[in-house]
Amino acid sequence: MFFDSWFGLLRVFVVGVLAYLALIVLLRVSGKRTLSKMNAFDLVVTVALGSTFATILLSKDVALAEGVLAFALLIAFQFLIAWLSVRSATVCLLVKAEPSLLLHRGQFLKQAMKAERVTEAEVRAAVRAQGVATLEEVEAVVLETDGSLNVVSKQKQEEASALKDVAGYGADAG
């Protein structure tokens, strides 16, 4: 069916504008963390917000107030989990993955790459994106908790303190 009524179109327009404004206000109030690079939990919240927004727009069975409450609830859960993960190592471990070492001092770590489903070509692409010509110039390539690949160049100093929390980095790496 192509058209039901002008009222239906008006409802989608008015509810859409109001729901969008409510979502923007709630996201701004909840802080920068809500809009940060996503880990798995953040992705779930983002998808749920999108699904809720679509439901509010298209379902006549869901009132605007109910939809705004659903937005607020999802954002409150995200805020609470983020707040708890900063204060509790246990919650942090449950919500966030830890970064993984994929290349160490020019050598691919095949087992870690296989576990993370990352190819050598993807690691090389990340190295090239940093303007590095050879893998031997690289101290480490790390798969971060948000899925990005970060390249750490070799340093003159022995210790690479930024790699302290990366699984596999240290005496057992390589």
C-alpha atoms as a PDB file:
ATOM      1  CA  MET A   1       0.000   0.000   0.000  1.00  0.00           C
ATOM      2  CA  PHE A   2       1.408   3.420  -0.930  1.00  0.00           C
ATOM      3  CA  PHE A   3      -0.697   5.814   1.124  1.00  0.00           C
ATOM      4  CA  ASP A   4      -3.060   5.467   4.078  1.00  0.00           C
ATOM      5  CA  SER A   5      -3.858   8.964   5.195  1.00  0.00           C
ATOM      6  CA  TRP A   6      -2.522  12.451   5.666  1.00  0.00           C
ATOM      7  CA  PHE A   7      -2.906  11.943   9.420  1.00  0.00           C
ATOM      8  CA  GLY A   8      -0.464   9.021   9.312  1.00  0.00           C
ATOM      9  CA  LEU A   9       2.123  11.143   7.527  1.00  0.00           C
ATOM     10  CA  LEU A  10       1.578  14.017   9.945  1.00  0.00           C
ATOM     11  CA  ARG A  11       1.955  11.646  12.908  1.00  0.00           C
ATOM     12  CA  VAL A  12       5.271  10.264  11.585  1.00  0.00           C
ATOM     13  CA  PHE A  13       6.537  13.808  10.992  1.00  0.00           C
ATOM     14  CA  VAL A  14       5.555  15.219  14.385  1.00  0.00           C
ATOM     15  CA  VAL A  15       6.554  12.148  16.402  1.00  0.00           C
ATOM     16  CA  GLY A  16       9.779  11.844  14.391  1.00  0.00           C
ATOM     17  CA  VAL A  17      10.835  15.420  15.071  1.00  0.00           C
ATOM     18  CA  LEU A  18       9.954  15.200  18.773  1.00  0.00           C
ATOM     19  CA  ALA A  19      11.562  11.771  19.261  1.00  0.00           C
ATOM     20  CA  TYR A  20      14.707  12.942  17.454  1.00  0.00           C
ATOM     21  CA  LEU A  21      14.944  16.048  19.633  1.00  0.00           C
ATOM     22  CA  ALA A  22      14.399  13.961  22.774  1.00  0.00           C
ATOM     23  CA  LEU A  23      17.129  11.533  21.718  1.00  0.00           C
ATOM     24  CA  ILE A  24      19.589  14.373  21.037  1.00  0.00           C
ATOM     25  CA  VAL A  25      18.853  15.979  24.418  1.00  0.00           C
ATOM     26  CA  LEU A  26      19.245  12.660  26.256  1.00  0.00           C
ATOM     27  CA  LEU A  27      22.513  11.876  24.466  1.00  0.00           C
ATOM     28  CA  ARG A  28      23.916  15.329  25.265  1.00  0.00           C
ATOM     29  CA  VAL A  29      22.900  15.050  28.926  1.00  0.00           C
ATOM     30  CA  SER A  30      24.433  11.570  29.234  1.00  0.00           C
ATOM     31  CA  GLY A  31      27.891  12.809  28.244  1.00  0.00           C
ATOM     32  CA  LYS A  32      30.624  12.085  25.726  1.00  0.00           C
ATOM     33  CA  ARG A  33      31.060   8.451  26.783  1.00  0.00           C
ATOM     34  CA  THR A  34      27.697   7.545  25.254  1.00  0.00           C
ATOM     35  CA  LEU A  35      28.951   8.642  21.839  1.00  0.00           C
ATOM     36  CA  SER A  36      32.493   7.257  22.111  1.00  0.00           C
ATOM     37  CA  LYS A  37      34.084   4.595  19.969  1.00  0.00           C
ATOM     38  CA  MET A  38      32.069   1.479  20.462  1.00  0.00           C
ATOM     39  CA  ASN A  39      32.789  -1.721  22.282  1.00  0.00           C
ATOM     40  CA  ALA A  40      30.274  -4.577  22.125  1.00  0.00           C
ATOM     41  CA  PHE A  41      28.049  -3.116  24.850  1.00  0.00           C
ATOM     42  CA  ASP A  42      27.974   0.311  23.189  1.00  0.00           C
ATOM     43  CA  LEU A  43      27.029  -1.314  19.882  1.00  0.00           C
ATOM     44  CA  VAL A  44      24.079  -3.093  21.496  1.00  0.00           C
ATOM     45  CA  VAL A  45      22.847   0.175  23.018  1.00  0.00           C
ATOM     46  CA  THR A  46      23.231   1.995  19.696  1.00  0.00           C
ATOM     47  CA  VAL A  47      21.287  -0.667  17.796  1.00  0.00           C
ATOM     48  CA  ALA A  48      18.604  -0.684  20.494  1.00  0.00           C
ATOM     49  CA  LEU A  49      18.286   3.108  20.282  1.00  0.00           C
ATOM     50  CA  GLY A  50      17.896   2.891  16.502  1.00  0.00           C
ATOM     51  CA  SER A  51      15.324   0.147  16.787  1.00  0.00           C
ATOM     52  CA  THR A  52      13.409   2.108  19.419  1.00  0.00           C
ATOM     53  CA  PHE A  53      13.481   5.227  17.249  1.00  0.00           C
ATOM     54  CA  ALA A  54      12.085   3.273  14.286  1.00  0.00           C
ATOM     55  CA  THR A  55       9.365   1.750  16.445  1.00  0.00           C
ATOM     56  CA  ILE A  56       8.344   5.145  17.805  1.00  0.00           C
ATOM     57  CA  LEU A  57       8.174   6.543  14.276  1.00  0.00           C
ATOM     58  CA  LEU A  58       6.265   3.745  12.598  1.00  0.00           C
ATOM     59  CA  SER A  59       4.164   2.028  15.247  1.00  0.00           C
ATOM     60  CA  LYS A  60       0.894   3.674  16.194  1.00  0.00           C
ATOM     61  CA  ASP A  61       0.818   1.384  19.240  1.00  0.00           C
ATOM     62  CA  VAL A  62       3.787   3.143  20.862  1.00  0.00           C
ATOM     63  CA  ALA A  63       3.162   6.586  22.301  1.00  0.00           C
ATOM     64  CA  LEU A  64       5.867   9.241  22.130  1.00  0.00           C
ATOM     65  CA  ALA A  65       6.152   9.335  25.939  1.00  0.00           C
ATOM     66  CA  GLU A  66       6.743   5.565  26.022  1.00  0.00           C
ATOM     67  CA  GLY A  67       9.421   5.876  23.367  1.00  0.00           C
ATOM     68  CA  VAL A  68      11.198   8.712  25.152  1.00  0.00           C
ATOM     69  CA  LEU A  69      11.112   6.635  28.351  1.00  0.00           C
ATOM     70  CA  ALA A  70      12.670   3.737  26.417  1.00  0.00           C
ATOM     71  CA  PHE A  71      15.416   6.082  25.148  1.00  0.00           C
ATOM     72  CA  ALA A  72      16.067   7.313  28.675  1.00  0.00           C
ATOM     73  CA  LEU A  73      16.177   3.764  30.027  1.00  0.00           C
ATOM     74  CA  LEU A  74      18.672   2.568  27.388  1.00  0.00           C
ATOM     75  CA  ILE A  75      20.903   5.593  27.906  1.00  0.00           C
ATOM     76  CA  ALA A  76      20.667   5.236  31.695  1.00  0.00           C
ATOM     77  CA  PHE A  77      21.752   1.569  31.421  1.00  0.00           C
ATOM     78  CA  GLN A  78      24.661   2.568  29.187  1.00  0.00           C
ATOM     79  CA  PHE A  79      25.656   5.326  31.617  1.00  0.00           C
ATOM     80  CA  LEU A  80      25.372   2.964  34.615  1.00  0.00           C
ATOM     81  CA  ILE A  81      27.444   0.218  32.989  1.00  0.00           C
ATOM     82  CA  ALA A  82      30.107   2.739  31.898  1.00  0.00           C
ATOM     83  CA  TRP A  83      30.145   4.238  35.423  1.00  0.00           C
ATOM     84  CA  LEU A  84      30.436   0.802  37.028  1.00  0.00           C
ATOM     85  CA  SER A  85      33.134  -0.363  34.603  1.00  0.00           C
ATOM     86  CA  VAL A  86      35.338   2.585  35.605  1.00  0.00           C
ATOM     87  CA  ARG A  87      34.907   1.695  39.286  1.00  0.00           C
ATOM     88  CA  SER A  88      34.893  -2.110  39.167  1.00  0.00           C
ATOM     89  CA  ALA A  89      37.451  -4.311  37.434  1.00  0.00           C
ATOM     90  CA  THR A  90      34.930  -7.168  37.407  1.00  0.00           C
ATOM     91  CA  VAL A  91      32.297  -5.137  35.552  1.00  0.00           C
ATOM     92  CA  CYS A  92      34.979  -3.823  33.202  1.00  0.00           C
ATOM     93  CA  LEU A  93      36.073  -7.378  32.342  1.00  0.00           C
ATOM     94  CA  LEU A  94      32.463  -8.398  31.692  1.00  0.00           C
ATOM     95  CA  VAL A  95      31.714  -5.433  29.420  1.00  0.00           C
ATOM     96  CA  LYS A  96      34.972  -4.783  27.583  1.00  0.00           C
ATOM     97  CA  ALA A  97      37.381  -7.044  25.794  1.00  0.00           C
ATOM     98  CA  GLU A  98      41.069  -6.515  26.349  1.00  0.00           C
ATOM     99  CA  PRO A  99      43.355  -5.364  23.547  1.00  0.00           C
ATOM    100  CA  SER A 100      45.218  -8.121  21.685  1.00  0.00           C
ATOM    101  CA  LEU A 101      48.758  -8.132  20.367  1.00  0.00           C
ATOM    102  CA  LEU A 102      48.833  -9.254  16.706  1.00  0.00           C
ATOM    103  CA  LEU A 103      52.360  -8.349  15.640  1.00  0.00           C
ATOM    104  CA  HIS A 104      55.363  -8.034  17.933  1.00  0.00           C
ATOM    105  CA  ARG A 105      58.737  -6.645  16.836  1.00  0.00           C
ATOM    106  CA  GLY A 106      58.033  -7.362  13.186  1.00  0.00           C
ATOM    107  CA  GLN A 107      56.712 -10.893  13.757  1.00  0.00           C
ATOM    108  CA  PHE A 108      53.108 -11.944  13.209  1.00  0.00           C
ATOM    109  CA  LEU A 109      51.509 -13.700  16.171  1.00  0.00           C
ATOM    110  CA  LYS A 110      49.572 -16.276  14.181  1.00  0.00           C
ATOM    111  CA  GLN A 111      47.657 -17.779  17.090  1.00  0.00           C
ATOM    112  CA  ALA A 112      46.397 -14.390  18.287  1.00  0.00           C
ATOM    113  CA  MET A 113      45.528 -13.371  14.720  1.00  0.00           C
ATOM    114  CA  LYS A 114      43.583 -16.581  14.188  1.00  0.00           C
ATOM    115  CA  ALA A 115      41.725 -16.152  17.492  1.00  0.00           C
ATOM    116  CA  GLU A 116      40.792 -12.568  16.564  1.00  0.00           C
ATOM    117  CA  ARG A 117      40.039 -13.422  12.908  1.00  0.00           C
ATOM    118  CA  VAL A 118      42.517 -10.888  11.531  1.00  0.00           C
ATOM    119  CA  THR A 119      44.584 -11.510   8.405  1.00  0.00           C
ATOM    120  CA  GLU A 120      48.191 -10.588   7.717  1.00  0.00           C
ATOM    121  CA  ALA A 121      46.928  -8.319   4.922  1.00  0.00           C
ATOM    122  CA  GLU A 122      44.836  -6.336   7.426  1.00  0.00           C
ATOM    123  CA  VAL A 123      47.809  -5.915   9.747  1.00  0.00           C
ATOM    124  CA  ARG A 124      50.044  -4.825   6.846  1.00  0.00           C
ATOM    125  CA  ALA A 125      47.371  -2.332   5.747  1.00  0.00           C
ATOM    126  CA  ALA A 126      47.306  -0.823   9.253  1.00  0.00           C
ATOM    127  CA  VAL A 127      51.098  -0.519   9.200  1.00  0.00           C
ATOM    128  CA  ARG A 128      51.044   1.142   5.765  1.00  0.00           C
ATOM    129  CA  ALA A 129      48.312   3.524   6.920  1.00  0.00           C
ATOM    130  CA  GLN A 130      50.776   4.794   9.529  1.00  0.00           C
ATOM    131  CA  GLY A 131      53.372   5.458   6.816  1.00  0.00           C
ATOM    132  CA  VAL A 132      55.659   2.653   7.951  1.00  0.00           C
ATOM    133  CA  ALA A 133      57.469   0.797   5.171  1.00  0.00           C
ATOM    134  CA  THR A 134      58.696  -2.350   6.923  1.00  0.00           C
ATOM    135  CA  LEU A 135      57.314  -4.557   9.660  1.00  0.00           C
ATOM    136  CA  GLU A 136      60.709  -4.504  11.352  1.00  0.00           C
ATOM    137  CA  GLU A 137      60.121  -0.814  12.216  1.00  0.00           C
ATOM    138  CA  VAL A 138      57.059  -1.817  14.242  1.00  0.00           C
ATOM    139  CA  GLU A 139      57.178  -2.645  17.927  1.00  0.00           C
ATOM    140  CA  ALA A 140      53.569  -3.854  17.966  1.00  0.00           C
ATOM    141  CA  VAL A 141      50.224  -3.905  16.212  1.00  0.00           C
ATOM    142  CA  VAL A 142      47.351  -4.035  18.667  1.00  0.00           C
ATOM    143  CA  LEU A 143      43.708  -4.927  18.012  1.00  0.00           C
ATOM    144  CA  GLU A 144      41.938  -2.478  20.313  1.00  0.00           C
ATOM    145  CA  THR A 145      38.684  -3.111  22.166  1.00  0.00           C
ATOM    146  CA  ASP A 146      36.749  -1.063  19.585  1.00  0.00           C
ATOM    147  CA  GLY A 147      38.058  -3.214  16.703  1.00  0.00           C
ATOM    148  CA  SER A 148      40.622  -0.721  15.405  1.00  0.00           C
ATOM    149  CA  LEU A 149      44.230  -1.686  14.682  1.00  0.00           C
ATOM    150  CA  ASN A 150      46.878   0.540  16.267  1.00  0.00           C
ATOM    151  CA  VAL A 151      50.507   0.514  15.199  1.00  0.00           C
ATOM    152  CA  VAL A 152      53.227   1.273  17.737  1.00  0.00           C
ATOM    153  CA  SER A 153      56.604   2.155  16.247  1.00  0.00           C
ATOM    154  CA  LYS A 154      59.822   0.929  17.820  1.00  0.00           C
ATOM    155  CA  GLN A 155      61.212   3.201  20.492  1.00  0.00           C
ATOM    156  CA  LYS A 156      64.776   3.789  21.592  1.00  0.00           C
ATOM    157  CA  GLN A 157      63.754   3.017  25.143  1.00  0.00           C
ATOM    158  CA  GLU A 158      63.278  -0.581  26.218  1.00  0.00           C
ATOM    159  CA  GLU A 159      59.878  -0.099  27.842  1.00  0.00           C
ATOM    160  CA  ALA A 160      56.728   0.609  25.844  1.00  0.00           C
ATOM    161  CA  SER A 161      54.419   1.669  28.686  1.00  0.00           C
ATOM    162  CA  ALA A 162      51.417   2.179  26.374  1.00  0.00           C
ATOM    163  CA  LEU A 163      51.436  -1.581  25.755  1.00  0.00           C
ATOM    164  CA  LYS A 164      51.274  -2.483  29.448  1.00  0.00           C
ATOM    165  CA  ASP A 165      47.609  -3.669  29.345  1.00  0.00           C
ATOM    166  CA  VAL A 166      47.859  -5.545  26.036  1.00  0.00           C
ATOM    167  CA  ALA A 167      47.457  -9.303  26.335  1.00  0.00           C
ATOM    168  CA  GLY A 168      50.574 -11.088  25.171  1.00  0.00           C
ATOM    169  CA  TYR A 169      52.956  -8.122  25.400  1.00  0.00           C
ATOM    170  CA  GLY A 170      55.997  -8.589  27.586  1.00  0.00           C
ATOM    171  CA  ALA A 171      58.419 -11.446  28.137  1.00  0.00           C
ATOM    172  CA  ASP A 172      56.102 -14.021  26.545  1.00  0.00           C
ATOM    173  CA  ALA A 173      55.443 -11.994  23.364  1.00  0.00           C
ATOM    174  CA  GLY A 174      57.146 -12.899  20.121  1.00  0.00           C
END
